[in-house]
């Protein structure tokens, strides 16, 4: 199994509550650093589309907790 080390954003600094990502056998894996036993797997294409959606504000309505 081809595996790379978990990486986290440089914006996380020393914070242990962040999302980590790695590539394994051509798939992208994501996990929360404080819940490392739960791993989400996806394809690089779907991950890239998700990231573009985040950058485009597609999911901003989920951050409005006032409702």
C-alpha atoms as a PDB file:
ATOM      1  CA  UNK A   1       0.000   0.000   0.000  1.00  0.00           C
ATOM      2  CA  UNK A   2       1.407   3.337  -1.074  1.00  0.00           C
ATOM      3  CA  UNK A   3       0.854   5.875   1.702  1.00  0.00           C
ATOM      4  CA  UNK A   4       1.964   9.394   2.465  1.00  0.00           C
ATOM      5  CA  UNK A   5       2.093  11.113   5.832  1.00  0.00           C
ATOM      6  CA  UNK A   6      -0.856  13.117   7.129  1.00  0.00           C
ATOM      7  CA  UNK A   7      -0.578  16.838   6.377  1.00  0.00           C
ATOM      8  CA  UNK A   8      -2.396  19.742   7.968  1.00  0.00           C
ATOM      9  CA  UNK A   9      -2.746  23.344   6.956  1.00  0.00           C
ATOM     10  CA  UNK A  10      -0.006  25.735   8.018  1.00  0.00           C
ATOM     11  CA  UNK A  11      -2.850  27.960   9.272  1.00  0.00           C
ATOM     12  CA  UNK A  12      -3.509  25.389  12.015  1.00  0.00           C
ATOM     13  CA  UNK A  13      -0.157  26.115  13.724  1.00  0.00           C
ATOM     14  CA  UNK A  14       0.002  24.068  16.935  1.00  0.00           C
ATOM     15  CA  UNK A  15      -3.767  23.639  17.115  1.00  0.00           C
ATOM     16  CA  UNK A  16      -4.814  19.985  17.400  1.00  0.00           C
ATOM     17  CA  UNK A  17      -8.326  20.579  16.066  1.00  0.00           C
ATOM     18  CA  UNK A  18      -7.806  20.636  12.336  1.00  0.00           C
ATOM     19  CA  UNK A  19      -8.414  18.642   9.183  1.00  0.00           C
ATOM     20  CA  UNK A  20      -5.565  16.461   7.950  1.00  0.00           C
ATOM     21  CA  UNK A  21      -5.196  15.114   4.426  1.00  0.00           C
ATOM     22  CA  UNK A  22      -3.052  12.510   2.672  1.00  0.00           C
ATOM     23  CA  UNK A  23      -2.895  10.476  -0.541  1.00  0.00           C
ATOM     24  CA  UNK A  24      -3.136   6.675  -0.370  1.00  0.00           C
ATOM     25  CA  UNK A  25      -3.173   4.456  -3.449  1.00  0.00           C
ATOM     26  CA  UNK A  26      -4.461   7.260  -5.677  1.00  0.00           C
ATOM     27  CA  UNK A  27      -7.252   8.330  -3.296  1.00  0.00           C
ATOM     28  CA  UNK A  28      -7.471  11.325  -0.976  1.00  0.00           C
ATOM     29  CA  UNK A  29      -8.084  10.640   2.711  1.00  0.00           C
ATOM     30  CA  UNK A  30      -9.307  13.235   5.213  1.00  0.00           C
ATOM     31  CA  UNK A  31      -9.669  13.091   8.966  1.00  0.00           C
ATOM     32  CA  UNK A  32     -10.071  15.381  11.941  1.00  0.00           C
ATOM     33  CA  UNK A  33      -6.893  15.408  14.002  1.00  0.00           C
ATOM     34  CA  UNK A  34      -8.842  14.897  17.238  1.00  0.00           C
ATOM     35  CA  UNK A  35     -10.888  11.985  15.770  1.00  0.00           C
ATOM     36  CA  UNK A  36      -8.222  10.152  13.816  1.00  0.00           C
ATOM     37  CA  UNK A  37     -10.113   6.864  13.647  1.00  0.00           C
ATOM     38  CA  UNK A  38     -12.762   8.330  11.292  1.00  0.00           C
ATOM     39  CA  UNK A  39     -11.387   8.659   7.753  1.00  0.00           C
ATOM     40  CA  UNK A  40     -13.222   9.906   4.661  1.00  0.00           C
ATOM     41  CA  UNK A  41     -11.914   8.762   1.265  1.00  0.00           C
ATOM     42  CA  UNK A  42     -12.555  10.397  -2.099  1.00  0.00           C
ATOM     43  CA  UNK A  43     -11.016  10.769  -5.534  1.00  0.00           C
ATOM     44  CA  UNK A  44      -8.629  13.610  -6.355  1.00  0.00           C
ATOM     45  CA  UNK A  45     -11.154  15.039  -8.844  1.00  0.00           C
ATOM     46  CA  UNK A  46     -14.002  15.113  -6.330  1.00  0.00           C
ATOM     47  CA  UNK A  47     -11.714  16.603  -3.678  1.00  0.00           C
ATOM     48  CA  UNK A  48     -10.593  19.332  -6.085  1.00  0.00           C
ATOM     49  CA  UNK A  49     -14.243  20.142  -6.898  1.00  0.00           C
ATOM     50  CA  UNK A  50     -15.062  20.283  -3.185  1.00  0.00           C
ATOM     51  CA  UNK A  51     -12.144  22.657  -2.521  1.00  0.00           C
ATOM     52  CA  UNK A  52     -13.259  24.877  -5.411  1.00  0.00           C
ATOM     53  CA  UNK A  53     -16.766  24.951  -3.935  1.00  0.00           C
ATOM     54  CA  UNK A  54     -15.338  26.053  -0.584  1.00  0.00           C
ATOM     55  CA  UNK A  55     -13.322  28.806  -2.265  1.00  0.00           C
ATOM     56  CA  UNK A  56     -16.390  29.924  -4.231  1.00  0.00           C
ATOM     57  CA  UNK A  57     -18.485  30.218  -1.054  1.00  0.00           C
ATOM     58  CA  UNK A  58     -20.829  27.362  -1.970  1.00  0.00           C
ATOM     59  CA  UNK A  59     -20.959  26.158   1.642  1.00  0.00           C
ATOM     60  CA  UNK A  60     -20.926  29.513   3.448  1.00  0.00           C
ATOM     61  CA  UNK A  61     -24.570  29.120   4.481  1.00  0.00           C
ATOM     62  CA  UNK A  62     -23.523  26.273   6.792  1.00  0.00           C
ATOM     63  CA  UNK A  63     -21.518  28.710   8.898  1.00  0.00           C
ATOM     64  CA  UNK A  64     -24.526  30.894   9.779  1.00  0.00           C
ATOM     65  CA  UNK A  65     -25.395  29.478  13.189  1.00  0.00           C
ATOM     66  CA  UNK A  66     -27.861  32.276  14.034  1.00  0.00           C
ATOM     67  CA  UNK A  67     -30.818  30.328  12.564  1.00  0.00           C
END
